[in-house]
N, C-alpha and C. Protein backbone atom coordinates (compact mmCIF):
# COMPACT_ATOMS: atom_id res chain seq x y z
N MET A 1 0.84 -1.18 0.00
CA MET A 1 0.00 0.00 0.00
C MET A 1 0.89 1.24 0.00
N LYS A 2 0.53 2.20 -0.81
CA LYS A 2 1.31 3.43 -0.94
C LYS A 2 1.04 4.36 0.25
N LYS A 3 2.09 4.92 0.81
CA LYS A 3 1.98 5.82 1.96
C LYS A 3 1.50 7.20 1.52
N ASN A 4 0.61 7.79 2.31
CA ASN A 4 0.15 9.15 2.06
C ASN A 4 1.32 10.09 2.32
N PRO A 5 1.75 10.87 1.33
CA PRO A 5 2.92 11.75 1.52
C PRO A 5 2.67 12.89 2.50
N LEU A 6 1.43 13.14 2.86
CA LEU A 6 1.13 14.23 3.80
C LEU A 6 1.22 13.77 5.26
N LEU A 7 1.34 12.47 5.48
CA LEU A 7 1.45 11.94 6.84
C LEU A 7 2.90 11.64 7.18
N SER A 8 3.27 11.92 8.39
CA SER A 8 4.62 11.65 8.85
C SER A 8 4.56 10.66 10.00
N ASP A 9 5.46 9.70 10.01
CA ASP A 9 5.49 8.71 11.08
C ASP A 9 6.32 9.14 12.28
N ASN A 10 7.17 10.15 12.11
CA ASN A 10 8.03 10.48 13.24
C ASN A 10 7.30 11.28 14.31
N MET A 11 7.84 11.26 15.50
CA MET A 11 7.21 11.86 16.67
C MET A 11 7.05 13.38 16.54
N TRP A 12 7.83 13.99 15.69
CA TRP A 12 7.78 15.44 15.54
C TRP A 12 7.00 15.86 14.30
N LYS A 13 6.54 14.90 13.53
CA LYS A 13 5.75 15.17 12.32
C LYS A 13 6.47 16.17 11.42
N ASP A 14 7.78 15.97 11.29
CA ASP A 14 8.63 16.76 10.40
C ASP A 14 8.69 18.25 10.76
N ALA A 15 8.68 18.54 12.05
CA ALA A 15 8.84 19.93 12.50
C ALA A 15 10.21 20.45 12.06
N SER A 16 10.26 21.73 11.74
CA SER A 16 11.50 22.35 11.28
C SER A 16 12.39 22.76 12.46
N GLY A 17 13.63 23.12 12.14
CA GLY A 17 14.56 23.59 13.16
C GLY A 17 14.06 24.83 13.88
N ILE A 18 13.35 25.68 13.16
CA ILE A 18 12.79 26.90 13.77
C ILE A 18 11.78 26.52 14.85
N ILE A 19 10.96 25.52 14.57
CA ILE A 19 9.96 25.08 15.56
C ILE A 19 10.66 24.49 16.79
N PHE A 20 11.75 23.73 16.57
CA PHE A 20 12.51 23.20 17.71
C PHE A 20 13.08 24.34 18.55
N SER A 21 13.57 25.38 17.91
CA SER A 21 14.12 26.53 18.61
C SER A 21 13.03 27.25 19.40
N ASN A 22 11.87 27.43 18.77
CA ASN A 22 10.73 28.05 19.47
C ASN A 22 10.31 27.23 20.68
N ALA A 23 10.31 25.91 20.54
CA ALA A 23 9.92 25.03 21.65
C ALA A 23 10.87 25.19 22.83
N LYS A 24 12.16 25.28 22.53
CA LYS A 24 13.14 25.45 23.61
C LYS A 24 12.90 26.75 24.37
N LYS A 25 12.63 27.83 23.64
CA LYS A 25 12.35 29.12 24.28
C LYS A 25 11.11 29.04 25.16
N LEU A 26 10.08 28.36 24.66
CA LEU A 26 8.84 28.22 25.43
C LEU A 26 9.05 27.38 26.69
N ARG A 27 9.90 26.35 26.60
CA ARG A 27 10.19 25.53 27.79
C ARG A 27 10.90 26.35 28.85
N GLU A 28 11.70 27.32 28.41
CA GLU A 28 12.45 28.15 29.36
C GLU A 28 11.57 29.20 30.04
N ASN A 29 10.40 29.49 29.49
CA ASN A 29 9.51 30.52 30.04
C ASN A 29 8.06 30.03 30.08
N PRO A 30 7.77 29.03 30.92
CA PRO A 30 6.40 28.50 30.96
C PRO A 30 5.43 29.47 31.61
N THR A 31 4.18 29.37 31.19
CA THR A 31 3.12 30.13 31.87
C THR A 31 2.83 29.46 33.20
N GLU A 32 2.09 30.13 34.05
CA GLU A 32 1.73 29.53 35.35
C GLU A 32 0.95 28.23 35.13
N ALA A 33 0.01 28.24 34.21
CA ALA A 33 -0.81 27.05 33.96
C ALA A 33 0.04 25.91 33.42
N GLU A 34 0.99 26.21 32.53
CA GLU A 34 1.87 25.17 32.00
C GLU A 34 2.72 24.56 33.11
N GLU A 35 3.19 25.41 34.02
CA GLU A 35 4.00 24.93 35.13
C GLU A 35 3.18 24.00 36.03
N VAL A 36 1.96 24.39 36.34
CA VAL A 36 1.08 23.56 37.16
C VAL A 36 0.83 22.20 36.48
N MET A 37 0.54 22.24 35.19
CA MET A 37 0.28 21.00 34.45
C MET A 37 1.53 20.13 34.42
N TRP A 38 2.68 20.73 34.15
CA TRP A 38 3.92 19.97 34.04
C TRP A 38 4.26 19.27 35.35
N LEU A 39 4.01 19.94 36.47
CA LEU A 39 4.29 19.32 37.77
C LEU A 39 3.47 18.05 37.99
N SER A 40 2.33 17.94 37.28
CA SER A 40 1.47 16.76 37.40
C SER A 40 1.73 15.70 36.32
N LEU A 41 2.38 16.09 35.23
CA LEU A 41 2.59 15.15 34.12
C LEU A 41 4.02 14.60 34.05
N ARG A 42 4.98 15.37 34.52
CA ARG A 42 6.39 14.96 34.35
C ARG A 42 6.68 13.67 35.11
N ASN A 43 7.78 13.03 34.71
CA ASN A 43 8.24 11.80 35.35
C ASN A 43 7.19 10.68 35.34
N ASN A 44 6.41 10.61 34.27
CA ASN A 44 5.44 9.53 34.07
C ASN A 44 4.40 9.44 35.20
N GLN A 45 4.07 10.57 35.81
CA GLN A 45 3.16 10.57 36.95
C GLN A 45 1.72 10.22 36.60
N LEU A 46 1.32 10.48 35.37
CA LEU A 46 -0.07 10.22 34.99
C LEU A 46 -0.18 8.82 34.41
N ASP A 47 -0.55 7.88 35.25
CA ASP A 47 -0.76 6.48 34.86
C ASP A 47 0.43 5.87 34.12
N GLY A 48 1.63 6.37 34.39
CA GLY A 48 2.84 5.81 33.80
C GLY A 48 3.14 6.29 32.39
N TYR A 49 2.37 7.24 31.86
CA TYR A 49 2.59 7.74 30.51
C TYR A 49 3.62 8.85 30.50
N LYS A 50 4.50 8.82 29.49
CA LYS A 50 5.53 9.85 29.35
C LYS A 50 4.98 11.01 28.53
N PHE A 51 4.97 12.18 29.12
CA PHE A 51 4.57 13.39 28.43
C PHE A 51 5.79 14.27 28.21
N ARG A 52 5.79 14.97 27.12
CA ARG A 52 6.81 15.95 26.80
C ARG A 52 6.16 17.32 26.83
N ARG A 53 6.90 18.34 27.24
CA ARG A 53 6.32 19.69 27.24
C ARG A 53 6.93 20.51 26.12
N GLN A 54 6.13 21.41 25.59
CA GLN A 54 6.57 22.27 24.48
C GLN A 54 7.24 21.40 23.41
N HIS A 55 6.46 20.50 22.87
CA HIS A 55 6.95 19.50 21.92
C HIS A 55 6.75 19.97 20.48
N PRO A 56 7.82 20.03 19.67
CA PRO A 56 7.69 20.40 18.26
C PRO A 56 6.82 19.39 17.51
N LEU A 57 5.89 19.91 16.73
CA LEU A 57 4.93 19.06 16.03
C LEU A 57 4.44 19.80 14.80
N LEU A 58 4.76 19.29 13.62
CA LEU A 58 4.39 19.97 12.37
C LEU A 58 4.98 21.38 12.38
N ASN A 59 4.10 22.38 12.20
CA ASN A 59 4.50 23.79 12.24
C ASN A 59 4.16 24.43 13.59
N TYR A 60 3.92 23.61 14.59
CA TYR A 60 3.43 24.08 15.87
C TYR A 60 4.34 23.61 16.99
N VAL A 61 4.09 24.16 18.17
CA VAL A 61 4.68 23.65 19.39
C VAL A 61 3.50 23.26 20.28
N ALA A 62 3.37 21.95 20.52
CA ALA A 62 2.29 21.45 21.38
C ALA A 62 2.67 21.70 22.83
N ASP A 63 1.72 22.16 23.64
CA ASP A 63 2.02 22.41 25.05
C ASP A 63 2.51 21.12 25.71
N PHE A 64 1.77 20.02 25.50
CA PHE A 64 2.15 18.72 26.06
C PHE A 64 1.82 17.64 25.04
N TYR A 65 2.68 16.61 24.99
CA TYR A 65 2.47 15.54 24.01
C TYR A 65 2.90 14.21 24.60
N CYS A 66 2.05 13.19 24.42
CA CYS A 66 2.38 11.82 24.79
C CYS A 66 2.39 11.00 23.51
N HIS A 67 3.57 10.56 23.11
CA HIS A 67 3.71 9.82 21.85
C HIS A 67 3.01 8.46 21.93
N GLN A 68 3.09 7.81 23.06
CA GLN A 68 2.46 6.49 23.23
C GLN A 68 0.96 6.57 23.00
N LEU A 69 0.33 7.62 23.50
CA LEU A 69 -1.12 7.80 23.36
C LEU A 69 -1.49 8.56 22.09
N LYS A 70 -0.48 9.16 21.43
CA LYS A 70 -0.74 10.05 20.27
C LYS A 70 -1.68 11.18 20.72
N LEU A 71 -1.38 11.74 21.89
CA LEU A 71 -2.25 12.73 22.53
C LEU A 71 -1.53 14.06 22.71
N VAL A 72 -2.17 15.12 22.23
CA VAL A 72 -1.70 16.50 22.41
C VAL A 72 -2.64 17.16 23.42
N ILE A 73 -2.06 17.84 24.40
CA ILE A 73 -2.84 18.62 25.36
C ILE A 73 -2.44 20.08 25.19
N GLU A 74 -3.43 20.91 24.96
CA GLU A 74 -3.20 22.34 24.80
C GLU A 74 -3.83 23.08 25.97
N ILE A 75 -3.15 24.09 26.45
CA ILE A 75 -3.68 24.96 27.51
C ILE A 75 -3.82 26.35 26.91
N ASP A 76 -5.05 26.84 26.91
CA ASP A 76 -5.37 28.08 26.23
C ASP A 76 -5.55 29.24 27.19
N GLY A 77 -4.83 30.33 26.91
CA GLY A 77 -4.97 31.56 27.66
C GLY A 77 -6.12 32.40 27.12
N GLU A 78 -6.28 33.59 27.67
CA GLU A 78 -7.39 34.48 27.31
C GLU A 78 -7.47 34.80 25.82
N TYR A 79 -6.31 34.99 25.18
CA TYR A 79 -6.33 35.39 23.77
C TYR A 79 -6.95 34.33 22.87
N HIS A 80 -7.09 33.11 23.37
CA HIS A 80 -7.73 32.05 22.57
C HIS A 80 -9.23 32.27 22.43
N GLN A 81 -9.77 33.26 23.12
CA GLN A 81 -11.20 33.55 23.05
C GLN A 81 -11.56 34.48 21.89
N THR A 82 -10.58 35.07 21.25
CA THR A 82 -10.87 35.96 20.13
C THR A 82 -11.33 35.16 18.92
N VAL A 83 -12.12 35.78 18.07
CA VAL A 83 -12.64 35.11 16.88
C VAL A 83 -11.50 34.62 15.99
N GLU A 84 -10.52 35.48 15.77
CA GLU A 84 -9.40 35.11 14.90
C GLU A 84 -8.61 33.94 15.48
N GLN A 85 -8.35 33.98 16.79
CA GLN A 85 -7.57 32.90 17.40
C GLN A 85 -8.35 31.59 17.40
N LYS A 86 -9.67 31.65 17.61
CA LYS A 86 -10.48 30.44 17.55
C LYS A 86 -10.39 29.80 16.17
N LYS A 87 -10.39 30.62 15.13
CA LYS A 87 -10.25 30.12 13.77
C LYS A 87 -8.89 29.44 13.59
N LEU A 88 -7.83 30.08 14.07
CA LEU A 88 -6.49 29.50 13.99
C LEU A 88 -6.38 28.21 14.81
N ASP A 89 -7.00 28.19 15.98
CA ASP A 89 -6.98 26.99 16.83
C ASP A 89 -7.71 25.84 16.15
N ASN A 90 -8.83 26.13 15.49
CA ASN A 90 -9.57 25.08 14.78
C ASN A 90 -8.73 24.50 13.65
N GLU A 91 -8.04 25.37 12.93
CA GLU A 91 -7.16 24.92 11.85
C GLU A 91 -6.03 24.07 12.40
N ARG A 92 -5.45 24.51 13.49
CA ARG A 92 -4.37 23.76 14.15
C ARG A 92 -4.86 22.38 14.57
N THR A 93 -6.03 22.34 15.18
CA THR A 93 -6.61 21.06 15.61
C THR A 93 -6.82 20.13 14.43
N GLU A 94 -7.37 20.64 13.34
CA GLU A 94 -7.59 19.83 12.14
C GLU A 94 -6.27 19.28 11.61
N ASN A 95 -5.24 20.11 11.54
CA ASN A 95 -3.94 19.67 11.03
C ASN A 95 -3.31 18.60 11.92
N ILE A 96 -3.43 18.78 13.22
CA ILE A 96 -2.87 17.81 14.16
C ILE A 96 -3.64 16.50 14.09
N GLU A 97 -4.97 16.58 14.08
CA GLU A 97 -5.78 15.36 14.01
C GLU A 97 -5.62 14.63 12.68
N PHE A 98 -5.33 15.37 11.61
CA PHE A 98 -5.08 14.76 10.31
C PHE A 98 -3.87 13.83 10.38
N GLN A 99 -2.95 14.12 11.28
CA GLN A 99 -1.75 13.29 11.45
C GLN A 99 -2.02 12.05 12.31
N GLY A 100 -3.28 11.82 12.66
CA GLY A 100 -3.63 10.64 13.45
C GLY A 100 -3.46 10.86 14.95
N LEU A 101 -3.36 12.12 15.35
CA LEU A 101 -3.22 12.44 16.77
C LEU A 101 -4.56 12.92 17.32
N LYS A 102 -4.68 12.88 18.65
CA LYS A 102 -5.86 13.40 19.32
C LYS A 102 -5.45 14.66 20.07
N LEU A 103 -6.37 15.60 20.21
CA LEU A 103 -6.05 16.86 20.88
C LEU A 103 -7.17 17.21 21.84
N ILE A 104 -6.79 17.54 23.06
CA ILE A 104 -7.76 18.04 24.03
C ILE A 104 -7.24 19.38 24.56
N ARG A 105 -8.19 20.26 24.87
CA ARG A 105 -7.87 21.61 25.31
C ARG A 105 -8.44 21.90 26.69
N PHE A 106 -7.68 22.69 27.43
CA PHE A 106 -8.11 23.21 28.72
C PHE A 106 -7.77 24.69 28.76
N THR A 107 -8.47 25.43 29.57
CA THR A 107 -8.13 26.84 29.75
C THR A 107 -7.10 26.97 30.88
N ASN A 108 -6.39 28.09 30.88
CA ASN A 108 -5.48 28.38 31.98
C ASN A 108 -6.21 28.29 33.31
N GLU A 109 -7.41 28.88 33.34
CA GLU A 109 -8.20 28.91 34.58
C GLU A 109 -8.52 27.51 35.08
N GLU A 110 -8.91 26.60 34.18
CA GLU A 110 -9.21 25.22 34.58
C GLU A 110 -7.99 24.58 35.24
N VAL A 111 -6.84 24.75 34.62
CA VAL A 111 -5.61 24.11 35.12
C VAL A 111 -5.20 24.71 36.46
N ILE A 112 -5.22 26.02 36.57
CA ILE A 112 -4.76 26.68 37.79
C ILE A 112 -5.73 26.46 38.95
N SER A 113 -7.01 26.53 38.67
CA SER A 113 -7.98 26.45 39.77
C SER A 113 -8.38 25.04 40.16
N ASN A 114 -8.23 24.06 39.24
CA ASN A 114 -8.68 22.71 39.58
C ASN A 114 -7.91 21.66 38.78
N ILE A 115 -6.63 21.53 39.07
CA ILE A 115 -5.79 20.59 38.32
C ILE A 115 -6.28 19.16 38.47
N SER A 116 -6.83 18.80 39.61
CA SER A 116 -7.29 17.41 39.79
C SER A 116 -8.43 17.08 38.83
N ALA A 117 -9.34 18.03 38.59
CA ALA A 117 -10.43 17.80 37.63
C ALA A 117 -9.87 17.67 36.21
N VAL A 118 -8.87 18.48 35.89
CA VAL A 118 -8.22 18.41 34.56
C VAL A 118 -7.57 17.04 34.38
N LEU A 119 -6.84 16.58 35.39
CA LEU A 119 -6.17 15.28 35.29
C LEU A 119 -7.20 14.15 35.18
N ASN A 120 -8.31 14.28 35.88
CA ASN A 120 -9.37 13.27 35.76
C ASN A 120 -9.96 13.24 34.36
N LYS A 121 -10.12 14.41 33.74
CA LYS A 121 -10.62 14.46 32.36
C LYS A 121 -9.64 13.79 31.40
N ILE A 122 -8.35 14.00 31.63
CA ILE A 122 -7.34 13.37 30.79
C ILE A 122 -7.39 11.85 30.98
N LYS A 123 -7.51 11.40 32.22
CA LYS A 123 -7.60 9.96 32.50
C LYS A 123 -8.84 9.35 31.85
N GLU A 124 -9.96 10.06 31.89
CA GLU A 124 -11.18 9.58 31.23
C GLU A 124 -10.96 9.47 29.73
N PHE A 125 -10.31 10.46 29.15
CA PHE A 125 -10.01 10.45 27.73
C PHE A 125 -9.13 9.25 27.38
N ILE A 126 -8.13 8.99 28.20
CA ILE A 126 -7.23 7.86 27.97
C ILE A 126 -8.00 6.54 28.02
N LYS A 127 -8.88 6.39 29.00
CA LYS A 127 -9.66 5.15 29.12
C LYS A 127 -10.51 4.91 27.87
N ILE A 128 -11.12 5.96 27.37
CA ILE A 128 -11.95 5.85 26.16
C ILE A 128 -11.08 5.43 24.98
N GLU A 129 -9.91 6.02 24.86
CA GLU A 129 -9.02 5.74 23.74
C GLU A 129 -8.41 4.34 23.82
N GLU A 130 -8.28 3.80 25.01
CA GLU A 130 -7.69 2.46 25.18
C GLU A 130 -8.63 1.37 24.68
N TYR A 131 -9.92 1.67 24.58
CA TYR A 131 -10.90 0.67 24.14
C TYR A 131 -11.34 0.86 22.73
C-alpha cells in the first residue's frame, strides 16, 4: 500500500529547526498554567505515561504531548477567546488530528484552579481511547 505523503510517522511530524528553537524558548519561560500541568505530568506521573512539554509538532509547538497515546494537550490563555484565534486553533486542531493524533484543550483557569479535575478528564479520555 502506498503511503500518504502528507502523513509523517516520526514523533515530531517533520517539524523544522525553527519550531525546535521556538519550543526550547517556550520551555524556558512556561506560563503559570503550564508549570502547574507539568508538575502533574512529568516523570510519568499520569498512569505511567511519558509526556513531553513544548513538543515540536508539524509547524506548531504542542504544550504537552504523549507519543504512546498520540495525545496532544493544549492549555489556552485568554487570547484564545478571540474570533481570529479560535479560527487558527480550529485549523491547528484539524492539522494535528489529520496526522492521526488526538487533541484536548483546557483553559489556563481550569488548570490553575482545579488541576485534579483536569487530570481526571485526561484519564477519562485515555480510558476511552484504550478501548
